[in-house]
Amino acid sequence: MNDSIKPAQYNAIPDGGNPQMSGAWQHLAEHAERLQGQHLANLFAADAQRHQHFSVMQGPLLLDFSKQRVDQPVMQALASLADAAELRDWTRRLFSAEPVNNTENRAAMHWALRAPADTEFADPQPGLFAGVQAQLGRMQQIVEKVHAGQWRGVTGEAITDVVNIGVGGSDLGPLMVSRALGEVDDEQHKLGIHFASSMDGSQMAQLLHDLRPHKTLFIISSKSFTTVDTLSNADTARAWLERSLGASQALMHCHFIGVSSAADKMADWGILPENQLRIWDWVGGRYSLWSCIGLPIALRIGMPGFRRLLAGAWWMDEHFRNAPWLENIPVLMALIGVWNTNCLGINAHAILPYDGRLEKLPAYLEQLEMESNGKSVTRDGQQVQQHTCPVLWGEVGPNAQHAFYQLLHQGTEVVTCDFIAPALRYQAEAEAGSDELIRQHELALANCFAQSRLLALGEAALDNPEELPAWKHYRGNQPSTTLLLRELSPFSMGAMIAAYEHKVFAQSVIWGINPFDQWGVEMGKKIANQTLGVIRSGTQDPSLDSSTKGLIDFVRGQ
């Protein structure tokens, strides 16, 4: 057993290695010591223009980091850290065909999925951009056919419901964006879009109880087309259809679409060639919603909306590649996260959207950040010398206020927060009641701004705090960033998601880790398959620990 990984070993200043990096970390450590004991309330009191000095507005996004425990010398030192880490060169390498995913010897060209058809950006591989556009064209044909009522089930009736079967990135991304942008075009709401990911069958059981076989289309999304969670749900769906409609090639043609990089495995399962959509092995699952994995999004918001989503992400790609560090939204997000984690010792981060349409955003970002940067080994195989990704968690802000904000305001843990909200909502509504809805959105914004203010300033935000009893004291000094979108649209949503992707990449460069593999996940799957064999065979495995044996014995005894 390796018990060498202990929190105490992680330092802000790594030993040896790049002298420039060591020097940059040393400067940051000095700034952290200088600011120790400095309260955010004092920083605001000392600078009446602090918001203007510590916020950036680019495109559809406003990033306000004035409630972070930083000052100008800290930000300059963080920019120097990015330079020492050679972030600009790593960014160039990302936007190429270089194998930046070194443990799998692959490029990470998810950005190429959103490049416009007329881009002047150099094709990273011959025919790559053309191949991406070809798949988008095929996806558009499917979307238009379904929306027009021309995609029909085996009995000849139009498809009214689509079920996306996937897990991880093949589920969370499409689910999150479909929920967020589902109001873009009410016409698409006539089509039911559903998601099934849980391997225990609970989601499938409910869906199959409610849906009609002859009007249901299934999308089977799996990069490898070997994921047991997905294939188990897919097998259940096929058996359900066959019981009602009979087994036939016509059934497979009318009721199943596959999205994968493994055409042969799709064919082996029964997906017909004309119903296969392609992704590439350089598309990581958590970066795949921009590909044909995003078919449920396009079915929800229409293909024009999906292309605007891609355009917003491409705009952020260009911004990330070209903007100076201290005007660069994803880099600022990354550097502030590094400051909090490695210099201030804060290892928890809450995602708090103040819009119910973003209810799945915390779960999406949990996967994006923790699966990408939850690593303890560097690119060259050495033990990391710093903390890497913090623990992410979150909830829609108005609900979270009645759940865990008590800990944020008066608990013993320091937690950084991202407050996220659209500035405008309901202004375009024409039906009666829009005025009341606008007022409700204003109420949500007021809570968003007030909560971040109280977390930052503590009792400095209150009148006569000295008169409060001890149990009503608020220490404040909880750092947060507020990210405002002009409105929640496909373009702004694409820009925001891409900003978080690039934040993750920039942090991985500074920490020296590979954000594009997930070997911990893979090993967990392998052991699960071994354990499944023991459960089903009824045999004993002497290599199992006593806890696992006892749990299996309990299941067998029921």
Protein backbone atom coordinates (compact mmCIF):
# COMPACT_ATOMS: atom_id res chain seq x y z
CA MET A 1 0.00 0.00 0.00
CA ASN A 2 1.26 3.45 -0.93
CA ASP A 3 0.65 5.78 2.01
CA SER A 4 3.11 8.41 0.81
CA ILE A 5 0.40 10.80 -0.37
CA LYS A 6 -0.28 13.03 2.58
CA PRO A 7 -1.64 16.58 2.55
CA ALA A 8 1.36 17.86 4.48
CA GLN A 9 3.68 17.12 1.59
CA TYR A 10 2.04 19.63 -0.74
CA ASN A 11 3.78 23.01 -0.75
CA ALA A 12 3.26 26.30 -2.55
CA ILE A 13 6.91 26.28 -3.62
CA PRO A 14 8.02 23.11 -5.48
CA ASP A 15 11.54 21.84 -4.97
CA GLY A 16 13.93 21.89 -7.92
CA GLY A 17 12.63 21.91 -11.48
CA ASN A 18 12.22 25.13 -13.40
CA PRO A 19 14.00 28.00 -11.57
CA GLN A 20 11.59 30.52 -13.08
CA MET A 21 8.64 28.58 -11.71
CA SER A 22 10.29 28.28 -8.30
CA GLY A 23 10.91 32.02 -8.28
CA ALA A 24 7.34 32.78 -9.31
CA TRP A 25 5.97 30.53 -6.56
CA GLN A 26 8.30 32.19 -4.05
CA HIS A 27 6.98 35.63 -4.96
CA LEU A 28 3.40 34.40 -4.58
CA ALA A 29 4.20 32.89 -1.19
CA GLU A 30 5.58 36.26 -0.09
CA HIS A 31 2.41 38.01 -1.25
CA ALA A 32 0.27 35.45 0.58
CA GLU A 33 2.19 36.16 3.78
CA ARG A 34 1.86 39.91 3.19
CA LEU A 35 -1.91 39.66 2.80
CA GLN A 36 -2.37 37.24 5.67
CA GLY A 37 -4.87 38.77 8.05
CA GLN A 38 -6.00 41.32 5.45
CA HIS A 39 -9.81 41.28 5.30
CA LEU A 40 -11.75 41.84 2.08
CA ALA A 41 -13.66 44.59 3.85
CA ASN A 42 -10.38 46.48 4.27
CA LEU A 43 -9.49 45.99 0.60
CA PHE A 44 -12.81 47.49 -0.47
CA ALA A 45 -12.52 50.34 2.04
CA ALA A 46 -9.07 51.20 0.67
CA ASP A 47 -10.19 51.29 -2.99
CA ALA A 48 -13.53 52.83 -3.92
CA GLN A 49 -12.98 51.68 -7.53
CA ARG A 50 -12.08 48.10 -6.65
CA HIS A 51 -14.74 46.63 -8.94
CA GLN A 52 -13.40 48.55 -11.93
CA HIS A 53 -9.84 47.53 -11.08
CA PHE A 54 -10.65 43.83 -10.65
CA SER A 55 -13.22 42.97 -13.29
CA VAL A 56 -13.10 42.24 -17.00
CA MET A 57 -15.88 42.47 -19.57
CA GLN A 58 -15.34 40.58 -22.80
CA GLY A 59 -18.00 39.69 -25.34
CA PRO A 60 -21.16 38.51 -23.55
CA LEU A 61 -19.42 37.94 -20.18
CA LEU A 62 -18.50 40.07 -17.18
CA LEU A 63 -16.01 38.52 -14.74
CA ASP A 64 -15.94 40.33 -11.39
CA PHE A 65 -13.13 39.03 -9.17
CA SER A 66 -13.00 42.06 -6.88
CA LYS A 67 -14.25 39.89 -4.00
CA GLN A 68 -11.16 37.69 -4.26
CA ARG A 69 -8.31 38.24 -1.77
CA VAL A 70 -6.00 39.77 -4.34
CA ASP A 71 -4.41 43.12 -5.11
CA GLN A 72 -2.50 44.41 -8.12
CA PRO A 73 0.90 43.01 -7.04
CA VAL A 74 -0.70 39.57 -6.60
CA MET A 75 -2.24 39.71 -10.07
CA GLN A 76 1.08 40.72 -11.62
CA ALA A 77 2.79 37.85 -9.79
CA LEU A 78 0.16 35.43 -11.05
CA ALA A 79 0.69 36.64 -14.61
CA SER A 80 4.41 36.02 -14.13
CA LEU A 81 3.59 32.48 -12.97
CA ALA A 82 1.66 31.88 -16.21
CA ASP A 83 4.68 33.07 -18.17
CA ALA A 84 7.06 30.90 -16.18
CA ALA A 85 4.82 27.89 -16.86
CA GLU A 86 5.03 28.69 -20.59
CA LEU A 87 1.25 28.89 -20.83
CA ARG A 88 1.39 30.72 -24.16
CA ASP A 89 3.40 27.91 -25.74
CA TRP A 90 1.16 25.25 -24.21
CA THR A 91 -1.84 27.08 -25.63
CA ARG A 92 -0.25 26.97 -29.06
CA ARG A 93 0.33 23.25 -28.61
CA LEU A 94 -3.29 22.70 -27.57
CA PHE A 95 -4.50 24.44 -30.74
CA SER A 96 -2.58 22.03 -32.94
CA ALA A 97 -2.39 18.30 -33.52
CA GLU A 98 0.35 17.80 -30.90
CA PRO A 99 -0.33 14.96 -28.43
CA VAL A 100 -0.88 17.15 -25.35
CA ASN A 101 -2.65 14.12 -23.85
CA ASN A 102 0.70 12.46 -23.31
CA THR A 103 -0.40 9.32 -21.41
CA GLU A 104 -2.64 8.29 -24.32
CA ASN A 105 -0.47 9.87 -27.02
CA ARG A 106 -3.38 11.89 -28.36
CA ALA A 107 -4.11 15.45 -29.31
CA ALA A 108 -6.96 17.24 -27.53
CA MET A 109 -8.68 19.00 -30.40
CA HIS A 110 -12.17 19.49 -29.00
CA TRP A 111 -11.75 23.14 -29.99
CA ALA A 112 -11.76 22.03 -33.65
CA LEU A 113 -15.35 20.87 -33.24
CA ARG A 114 -16.51 24.48 -33.00
CA ALA A 115 -14.34 26.04 -35.69
CA PRO A 116 -16.57 27.75 -38.29
CA ALA A 117 -16.71 26.36 -41.79
CA ASP A 118 -14.98 29.47 -43.17
CA THR A 119 -12.23 29.59 -40.54
CA GLU A 120 -8.82 30.81 -41.61
CA PHE A 121 -7.23 28.82 -38.80
CA ALA A 122 -4.77 26.27 -40.14
CA ASP A 123 -6.23 22.78 -40.39
CA PRO A 124 -4.38 20.80 -37.66
CA GLN A 125 -4.67 17.64 -39.74
CA PRO A 126 -5.49 17.28 -43.43
CA GLY A 127 -9.25 17.14 -43.83
CA LEU A 128 -10.04 17.47 -40.12
CA PHE A 129 -12.17 20.61 -40.36
CA ALA A 130 -13.96 19.17 -43.40
CA GLY A 131 -14.67 15.98 -41.50
CA VAL A 132 -16.13 17.93 -38.58
CA GLN A 133 -18.37 19.92 -40.91
CA ALA A 134 -19.49 16.72 -42.63
CA GLN A 135 -20.64 15.25 -39.33
CA LEU A 136 -22.42 18.47 -38.42
CA GLY A 137 -24.17 18.30 -41.77
CA ARG A 138 -25.32 14.75 -41.10
CA MET A 139 -26.51 15.78 -37.66
CA GLN A 140 -28.45 18.66 -39.19
CA GLN A 141 -30.22 16.29 -41.55
CA ILE A 142 -31.34 14.15 -38.63
CA VAL A 143 -32.51 17.15 -36.60
CA GLU A 144 -34.50 18.64 -39.46
CA LYS A 145 -36.07 15.29 -40.30
CA VAL A 146 -37.17 14.71 -36.70
CA HIS A 147 -38.47 18.26 -36.29
CA ALA A 148 -40.43 18.00 -39.52
CA GLY A 149 -42.12 14.82 -38.31
CA GLN A 150 -40.47 12.86 -41.12
CA TRP A 151 -38.47 10.50 -38.90
CA ARG A 152 -40.96 7.75 -38.29
CA GLY A 153 -41.02 4.65 -36.16
CA VAL A 154 -41.37 1.16 -37.58
CA THR A 155 -45.18 1.44 -37.51
CA GLY A 156 -45.08 4.66 -39.57
CA GLU A 157 -45.91 7.13 -36.81
CA ALA A 158 -43.79 10.23 -36.27
CA ILE A 159 -41.21 10.21 -33.48
CA THR A 160 -42.39 12.29 -30.51
CA ASP A 161 -39.78 11.36 -27.90
CA VAL A 162 -36.00 10.93 -27.99
CA VAL A 163 -34.01 9.22 -25.23
CA ASN A 164 -30.28 9.87 -24.98
CA ILE A 165 -28.49 6.90 -23.43
CA GLY A 166 -24.99 7.76 -22.26
CA VAL A 167 -22.96 8.39 -19.14
CA GLY A 168 -20.36 10.92 -18.03
CA GLY A 169 -19.60 13.41 -20.77
CA SER A 170 -22.04 11.66 -23.11
CA ASP A 171 -24.81 12.53 -20.65
CA LEU A 172 -23.86 15.51 -18.47
CA GLY A 173 -22.97 17.93 -21.26
CA PRO A 174 -26.03 17.35 -23.44
CA LEU A 175 -28.28 17.22 -20.37
CA MET A 176 -26.89 20.42 -18.87
CA VAL A 177 -27.10 22.49 -22.06
CA SER A 178 -30.50 21.09 -23.09
CA ARG A 179 -31.93 22.11 -19.72
CA ALA A 180 -30.26 25.51 -19.84
CA LEU A 181 -31.35 26.44 -23.36
CA GLY A 182 -34.64 24.57 -23.55
CA GLU A 183 -36.60 27.81 -23.73
CA VAL A 184 -34.80 29.11 -26.82
CA ASP A 185 -37.41 27.82 -29.25
CA ASP A 186 -40.75 26.68 -27.91
CA GLU A 187 -41.42 24.81 -31.15
CA GLN A 188 -38.80 22.27 -30.14
CA HIS A 189 -40.64 21.61 -26.88
CA LYS A 190 -43.13 19.55 -28.84
CA LEU A 191 -40.37 16.93 -28.95
CA GLY A 192 -39.69 15.15 -25.67
CA ILE A 193 -35.94 14.94 -24.91
CA HIS A 194 -35.04 12.49 -22.14
CA PHE A 195 -31.81 11.20 -20.61
CA ALA A 196 -30.83 7.86 -19.09
CA SER A 197 -27.43 7.30 -17.52
CA SER A 198 -27.79 5.32 -14.29
CA MET A 199 -26.60 1.73 -14.59
CA ASP A 200 -29.16 0.50 -12.06
CA GLY A 201 -31.96 0.93 -14.57
CA SER A 202 -34.04 3.30 -12.44
CA GLN A 203 -34.17 6.04 -15.06
CA MET A 204 -34.91 3.58 -17.86
CA ALA A 205 -37.68 1.94 -15.86
CA GLN A 206 -39.51 5.24 -15.45
CA LEU A 207 -39.01 6.25 -19.08
CA LEU A 208 -40.16 2.94 -20.48
CA HIS A 209 -43.24 3.12 -18.27
CA ASP A 210 -44.17 6.57 -19.62
CA LEU A 211 -43.13 6.43 -23.30
CA ARG A 212 -44.71 4.73 -26.31
CA PRO A 213 -42.41 2.32 -28.18
CA HIS A 214 -43.64 3.14 -31.68
CA LYS A 215 -42.93 6.87 -31.19
CA THR A 216 -39.58 6.70 -29.35
CA LEU A 217 -36.10 7.14 -30.82
CA PHE A 218 -32.99 6.18 -28.84
CA ILE A 219 -29.55 7.79 -29.19
CA ILE A 220 -26.78 5.52 -27.93
CA SER A 221 -23.79 7.74 -27.15
CA SER A 222 -20.49 6.18 -26.16
CA LYS A 223 -17.06 7.12 -27.42
CA SER A 224 -15.76 3.54 -27.15
CA PHE A 225 -19.15 1.84 -27.41
CA THR A 226 -17.99 -0.50 -24.65
CA THR A 227 -19.19 1.42 -21.57
CA VAL A 228 -21.16 -1.09 -19.51
CA ASP A 229 -23.52 1.52 -18.04
CA THR A 230 -24.57 2.70 -21.49
CA LEU A 231 -24.79 -0.71 -23.14
CA SER A 232 -26.86 -2.12 -20.27
CA ASN A 233 -29.42 0.66 -20.74
CA ALA A 234 -29.26 0.23 -24.52
CA ASP A 235 -29.93 -3.51 -24.25
CA THR A 236 -32.91 -2.80 -22.03
CA ALA A 237 -34.26 -0.28 -24.54
CA ARG A 238 -33.89 -2.72 -27.43
CA ALA A 239 -35.62 -5.52 -25.53
CA TRP A 240 -38.49 -3.15 -24.66
CA LEU A 241 -38.95 -2.20 -28.30
CA GLU A 242 -38.72 -5.79 -29.53
CA ARG A 243 -41.39 -6.96 -27.10
CA SER A 244 -43.85 -4.47 -28.58
CA LEU A 245 -42.71 -4.13 -32.17
CA GLY A 246 -40.77 -7.32 -32.93
CA ALA A 247 -37.10 -7.78 -33.73
CA SER A 248 -36.15 -6.59 -37.21
CA GLN A 249 -33.64 -4.55 -39.13
CA ALA A 250 -36.43 -2.04 -39.75
CA LEU A 251 -36.75 -1.60 -35.98
CA MET A 252 -33.04 -0.79 -35.70
CA HIS A 253 -33.27 1.61 -38.64
CA CYS A 254 -36.23 3.53 -37.22
CA HIS A 255 -35.49 3.59 -33.49
CA PHE A 256 -31.71 3.73 -32.90
CA ILE A 257 -28.96 6.24 -33.66
CA GLY A 258 -25.38 5.65 -32.50
CA VAL A 259 -22.68 8.21 -31.72
CA SER A 260 -19.18 6.79 -31.24
CA SER A 261 -15.61 6.67 -32.48
CA ALA A 262 -15.97 2.88 -32.89
CA ALA A 263 -18.02 2.24 -36.02
CA ASP A 264 -17.33 -1.50 -35.89
CA LYS A 265 -18.68 -1.83 -32.35
CA MET A 266 -21.77 0.20 -33.22
CA ALA A 267 -22.38 -2.16 -36.15
CA ASP A 268 -21.83 -5.23 -33.97
CA TRP A 269 -24.48 -3.99 -31.57
CA GLY A 270 -26.90 -3.39 -34.43
CA ILE A 271 -26.64 0.31 -35.30
CA LEU A 272 -27.01 0.56 -39.07
CA PRO A 273 -24.35 2.55 -40.99
CA GLU A 274 -26.81 5.23 -42.08
CA ASN A 275 -27.66 5.87 -38.40
CA GLN A 276 -24.09 6.18 -37.18
CA LEU A 277 -22.57 9.55 -36.26
CA ARG A 278 -18.84 9.86 -35.72
CA ILE A 279 -16.67 11.36 -33.05
CA TRP A 280 -12.89 11.08 -32.89
CA ASP A 281 -10.54 9.48 -30.38
CA TRP A 282 -9.06 12.91 -29.60
CA VAL A 283 -12.42 14.07 -28.23
CA GLY A 284 -12.48 13.54 -24.48
CA GLY A 285 -15.89 12.66 -23.11
CA ARG A 286 -16.17 15.73 -20.90
CA TYR A 287 -15.20 17.92 -23.86
CA SER A 288 -17.56 16.26 -26.34
CA LEU A 289 -20.84 18.19 -26.24
CA TRP A 290 -19.62 20.22 -29.25
CA SER A 291 -19.57 17.06 -31.36
CA CYS A 292 -22.41 14.79 -32.45
CA ILE A 293 -22.65 13.85 -28.77
CA GLY A 294 -24.55 17.16 -28.70
CA LEU A 295 -27.34 15.76 -30.90
CA PRO A 296 -29.89 16.02 -28.02
CA ILE A 297 -28.98 19.71 -27.68
CA ALA A 298 -29.60 20.30 -31.38
CA LEU A 299 -32.88 18.41 -31.14
CA ARG A 300 -33.90 20.65 -28.26
CA ILE A 301 -32.84 24.06 -29.59
CA GLY A 302 -32.59 23.45 -33.32
CA MET A 303 -29.50 23.29 -35.48
CA PRO A 304 -29.21 27.10 -35.86
CA GLY A 305 -29.13 27.35 -32.06
CA PHE A 306 -26.51 24.60 -31.85
CA ARG A 307 -24.34 26.46 -34.35
CA ARG A 308 -24.64 29.62 -32.23
CA LEU A 309 -23.50 27.55 -29.25
CA LEU A 310 -20.42 26.53 -31.26
CA ALA A 311 -19.87 30.13 -32.33
CA GLY A 312 -19.84 31.32 -28.71
CA ALA A 313 -17.28 28.68 -27.82
CA TRP A 314 -15.12 29.57 -30.83
CA TRP A 315 -15.25 33.23 -29.81
CA MET A 316 -13.90 32.18 -26.40
CA ASP A 317 -11.21 30.05 -28.09
CA GLU A 318 -9.98 33.11 -29.96
CA HIS A 319 -10.14 35.23 -26.81
CA PHE A 320 -8.18 32.64 -24.83
CA ARG A 321 -5.52 32.32 -27.52
CA ASN A 322 -4.95 36.04 -27.98
CA ALA A 323 -5.91 38.15 -24.95
CA PRO A 324 -3.25 39.30 -22.44
CA TRP A 325 -3.29 37.29 -19.24
CA LEU A 326 -4.88 39.96 -17.06
CA GLU A 327 -7.65 40.59 -19.62
CA ASN A 328 -8.17 36.92 -20.39
CA ILE A 329 -11.28 35.52 -18.70
CA PRO A 330 -10.32 31.80 -18.55
CA VAL A 331 -6.74 32.61 -17.55
CA LEU A 332 -7.93 34.95 -14.81
CA MET A 333 -10.26 32.23 -13.54
CA ALA A 334 -7.36 29.76 -13.59
CA LEU A 335 -4.86 32.04 -11.87
CA ILE A 336 -7.29 33.01 -9.13
CA GLY A 337 -8.04 29.35 -8.54
CA VAL A 338 -4.32 28.59 -8.27
CA TRP A 339 -3.89 31.49 -5.83
CA ASN A 340 -6.71 30.23 -3.63
CA THR A 341 -5.65 26.58 -3.71
CA ASN A 342 -1.87 26.84 -3.53
CA CYS A 343 -1.25 30.11 -1.74
CA LEU A 344 -4.25 30.59 0.52
CA GLY A 345 -4.78 26.89 1.21
CA ILE A 346 -8.47 26.83 0.23
CA ASN A 347 -9.46 23.41 -1.10
CA ALA A 348 -13.24 23.69 -1.60
CA HIS A 349 -15.03 25.52 -4.38
CA ALA A 350 -18.80 26.02 -4.77
CA ILE A 351 -20.62 26.61 -8.07
CA LEU A 352 -23.73 28.73 -7.43
CA PRO A 353 -25.87 29.62 -10.47
CA TYR A 354 -28.76 32.01 -9.82
CA ASP A 355 -30.96 30.75 -12.62
CA GLY A 356 -32.92 27.52 -12.44
CA ARG A 357 -32.11 26.73 -16.05
CA LEU A 358 -28.49 26.18 -14.94
CA GLU A 359 -29.42 23.53 -12.39
CA LYS A 360 -27.10 20.94 -13.98
CA LEU A 361 -24.13 23.30 -14.32
CA PRO A 362 -22.58 22.40 -10.92
CA ALA A 363 -22.60 18.69 -11.79
CA TYR A 364 -21.16 19.41 -15.24
CA LEU A 365 -18.32 21.50 -13.83
CA GLU A 366 -17.65 18.93 -11.12
CA GLN A 367 -16.85 16.42 -13.83
CA LEU A 368 -15.00 18.89 -16.05
CA GLU A 369 -12.67 20.10 -13.30
CA MET A 370 -12.26 17.13 -10.96
CA GLU A 371 -11.97 14.46 -13.65
CA SER A 372 -9.52 16.65 -15.57
CA ASN A 373 -7.32 18.02 -12.79
CA GLY A 374 -7.89 15.55 -9.97
CA LYS A 375 -4.35 14.25 -10.46
CA SER A 376 -1.39 13.68 -8.14
CA VAL A 377 1.25 12.76 -10.74
CA THR A 378 2.91 15.20 -13.13
CA ARG A 379 3.28 14.77 -16.87
CA ASP A 380 6.75 13.32 -16.35
CA GLY A 381 5.52 10.75 -13.81
CA GLN A 382 6.62 12.50 -10.62
CA GLN A 383 4.58 13.07 -7.50
CA VAL A 384 3.07 16.55 -7.53
CA GLN A 385 4.43 18.96 -4.94
CA GLN A 386 1.31 21.12 -4.70
CA HIS A 387 -2.39 20.66 -4.22
CA THR A 388 -4.13 20.39 -7.55
CA CYS A 389 -7.88 20.55 -8.14
CA PRO A 390 -10.04 21.57 -5.18
CA VAL A 391 -13.25 19.74 -4.31
CA LEU A 392 -16.12 21.19 -6.36
CA TRP A 393 -19.73 21.13 -5.32
CA GLY A 394 -22.75 23.34 -5.77
CA GLU A 395 -26.44 23.89 -6.32
CA VAL A 396 -28.79 26.46 -7.78
CA GLY A 397 -28.14 29.47 -5.54
CA PRO A 398 -31.67 30.18 -4.25
CA ASN A 399 -31.98 26.54 -3.18
CA ALA A 400 -28.47 26.45 -1.73
CA GLN A 401 -29.26 29.47 0.42
CA HIS A 402 -31.65 27.23 2.34
CA ALA A 403 -29.19 24.35 2.51
CA PHE A 404 -25.45 24.90 2.88
CA TYR A 405 -25.03 28.70 2.95
CA GLN A 406 -25.10 28.46 6.74
CA LEU A 407 -21.70 26.76 6.52
CA LEU A 408 -20.43 29.41 4.12
CA HIS A 409 -21.46 32.28 6.38
CA GLN A 410 -20.75 30.93 9.85
CA GLY A 411 -18.98 27.58 9.52
CA THR A 412 -15.33 26.85 10.13
CA GLU A 413 -14.38 26.10 6.51
CA VAL A 414 -13.18 28.60 3.93
CA VAL A 415 -14.86 27.99 0.59
CA THR A 416 -14.40 29.91 -2.65
CA CYS A 417 -17.51 30.47 -4.74
CA ASP A 418 -18.48 31.17 -8.33
CA PHE A 419 -21.75 33.12 -8.51
CA ILE A 420 -23.21 32.84 -12.02
CA ALA A 421 -26.26 34.60 -13.44
CA PRO A 422 -27.69 36.21 -16.58
CA ALA A 423 -28.21 39.97 -16.27
CA LEU A 424 -31.42 39.91 -18.30
CA ARG A 425 -34.32 37.48 -18.41
CA TYR A 426 -37.96 37.61 -19.54
CA GLN A 427 -37.55 40.99 -21.30
CA ALA A 428 -38.54 39.38 -24.61
CA GLU A 429 -41.59 37.62 -23.15
CA ALA A 430 -44.83 38.80 -24.68
CA GLU A 431 -47.39 36.84 -22.70
CA ALA A 432 -49.19 38.14 -19.66
CA GLY A 433 -47.22 37.83 -16.48
CA SER A 434 -43.83 38.78 -17.91
CA ASP A 435 -43.60 41.80 -15.59
CA GLU A 436 -44.00 39.56 -12.59
CA LEU A 437 -41.38 37.18 -13.96
CA ILE A 438 -38.95 40.05 -14.50
CA ARG A 439 -39.41 41.02 -10.87
CA GLN A 440 -38.67 37.44 -9.84
CA HIS A 441 -35.44 37.53 -11.82
CA GLU A 442 -34.55 40.80 -10.13
CA LEU A 443 -35.16 39.08 -6.79
CA ALA A 444 -32.75 36.31 -7.78
CA LEU A 445 -30.09 38.84 -8.80
CA ALA A 446 -30.55 40.75 -5.55
CA ASN A 447 -29.94 37.56 -3.59
CA CYS A 448 -26.92 36.67 -5.74
CA PHE A 449 -25.28 40.04 -5.17
CA ALA A 450 -26.23 40.25 -1.49
CA GLN A 451 -24.92 36.79 -0.65
CA SER A 452 -21.55 37.41 -2.27
CA ARG A 453 -21.37 40.80 -0.51
CA LEU A 454 -22.05 39.33 2.93
CA LEU A 455 -19.62 36.47 2.32
CA ALA A 456 -16.90 38.96 1.39
CA LEU A 457 -17.47 41.82 3.83
CA GLY A 458 -19.00 40.03 6.79
CA GLU A 459 -20.18 42.40 9.47
CA ALA A 460 -18.85 45.38 7.52
CA ALA A 461 -21.94 44.93 5.33
CA LEU A 462 -24.26 45.35 8.34
CA ASP A 463 -25.52 48.28 10.38
CA ASN A 464 -24.40 48.33 14.02
CA PRO A 465 -22.77 44.88 14.00
CA GLU A 466 -21.38 45.48 17.50
CA GLU A 467 -24.90 45.12 18.86
CA LEU A 468 -25.30 41.59 17.51
CA PRO A 469 -25.07 38.55 19.82
CA ALA A 470 -22.27 36.07 19.18
CA TRP A 471 -24.47 33.68 17.21
CA LYS A 472 -25.27 36.43 14.71
CA HIS A 473 -21.67 37.33 13.89
CA TYR A 474 -20.47 36.94 10.29
CA ARG A 475 -16.73 36.71 9.79
CA GLY A 476 -16.83 37.34 6.03
CA ASN A 477 -13.58 37.21 4.07
CA GLN A 478 -14.94 34.32 1.97
CA PRO A 479 -13.60 34.92 -1.56
CA SER A 480 -15.88 34.68 -4.57
CA THR A 481 -16.06 35.52 -8.25
CA THR A 482 -19.22 36.65 -10.01
CA LEU A 483 -19.67 35.70 -13.67
CA LEU A 484 -22.53 37.55 -15.37
CA LEU A 485 -23.87 36.75 -18.82
CA ARG A 486 -25.80 39.46 -20.65
CA GLU A 487 -28.49 36.83 -21.11
CA LEU A 488 -28.57 33.06 -21.24
CA SER A 489 -28.35 32.37 -24.97
CA PRO A 490 -26.64 29.69 -27.06
CA PHE A 491 -23.77 32.08 -27.83
CA SER A 492 -23.16 33.16 -24.22
CA MET A 493 -23.57 29.59 -22.99
CA GLY A 494 -20.97 28.37 -25.47
CA ALA A 495 -18.58 31.12 -24.41
CA MET A 496 -19.03 30.33 -20.72
CA ILE A 497 -18.51 26.58 -21.07
CA ALA A 498 -15.41 27.08 -23.21
CA ALA A 499 -14.08 29.55 -20.62
CA TYR A 500 -14.27 26.87 -17.95
CA GLU A 501 -12.61 24.35 -20.29
CA HIS A 502 -9.69 26.70 -20.85
CA LYS A 503 -9.51 27.53 -17.15
CA VAL A 504 -8.97 23.82 -16.50
CA PHE A 505 -6.29 23.60 -19.17
CA ALA A 506 -4.42 26.68 -17.92
CA GLN A 507 -4.40 25.29 -14.37
CA SER A 508 -3.15 21.94 -15.61
CA VAL A 509 -0.21 23.68 -17.29
CA ILE A 510 0.71 25.49 -14.07
CA TRP A 511 0.40 22.29 -12.03
CA GLY A 512 2.27 20.26 -14.67
CA ILE A 513 -0.43 17.58 -15.00
CA ASN A 514 -2.34 16.02 -17.90
CA PRO A 515 -6.01 17.11 -17.82
CA PHE A 516 -7.13 14.85 -20.66
CA ASP A 517 -6.86 11.35 -19.18
CA GLN A 518 -8.78 9.67 -16.35
CA TRP A 519 -6.93 6.53 -15.34
CA GLY A 520 -8.58 6.47 -11.93
CA VAL A 521 -11.96 6.13 -13.63
CA GLU A 522 -10.67 3.40 -15.93
CA MET A 523 -9.27 1.31 -13.08
CA GLY A 524 -12.51 1.64 -11.16
CA LYS A 525 -14.40 0.24 -14.17
CA LYS A 526 -11.97 -2.67 -14.46
CA ILE A 527 -12.33 -3.68 -10.84
CA ALA A 528 -16.12 -3.30 -11.07
CA ASN A 529 -16.21 -5.78 -13.95
CA GLN A 530 -14.15 -8.26 -11.91
CA THR A 531 -16.48 -7.83 -8.95
CA LEU A 532 -19.53 -8.31 -11.17
CA GLY A 533 -18.13 -11.67 -12.22
CA VAL A 534 -17.90 -12.76 -8.60
CA ILE A 535 -21.45 -11.57 -7.80
CA ARG A 536 -22.97 -13.39 -10.75
CA SER A 537 -20.93 -16.59 -10.58
CA GLY A 538 -21.67 -17.36 -6.96
CA THR A 539 -18.03 -18.31 -6.42
CA GLN A 540 -15.58 -16.99 -3.86
CA ASP A 541 -12.55 -14.89 -4.75
CA PRO A 542 -9.82 -15.25 -2.13
CA SER A 543 -8.15 -12.05 -3.31
CA LEU A 544 -11.07 -9.90 -2.16
CA ASP A 545 -10.87 -7.98 1.09
CA SER A 546 -13.16 -8.95 3.96
CA SER A 547 -15.43 -5.92 3.50
CA THR A 548 -16.17 -6.71 -0.15
CA LYS A 549 -16.68 -10.39 0.68
CA GLY A 550 -19.09 -9.48 3.46
CA LEU A 551 -21.09 -7.14 1.24
CA ILE A 552 -21.37 -9.75 -1.52
CA ASP A 553 -22.43 -12.39 1.04
CA PHE A 554 -25.17 -10.06 2.27
CA VAL A 555 -26.49 -9.58 -1.28
CA ARG A 556 -26.46 -13.33 -1.94
CA GLY A 557 -28.35 -13.97 1.27
CA GLN A 558 -31.33 -11.82 0.34
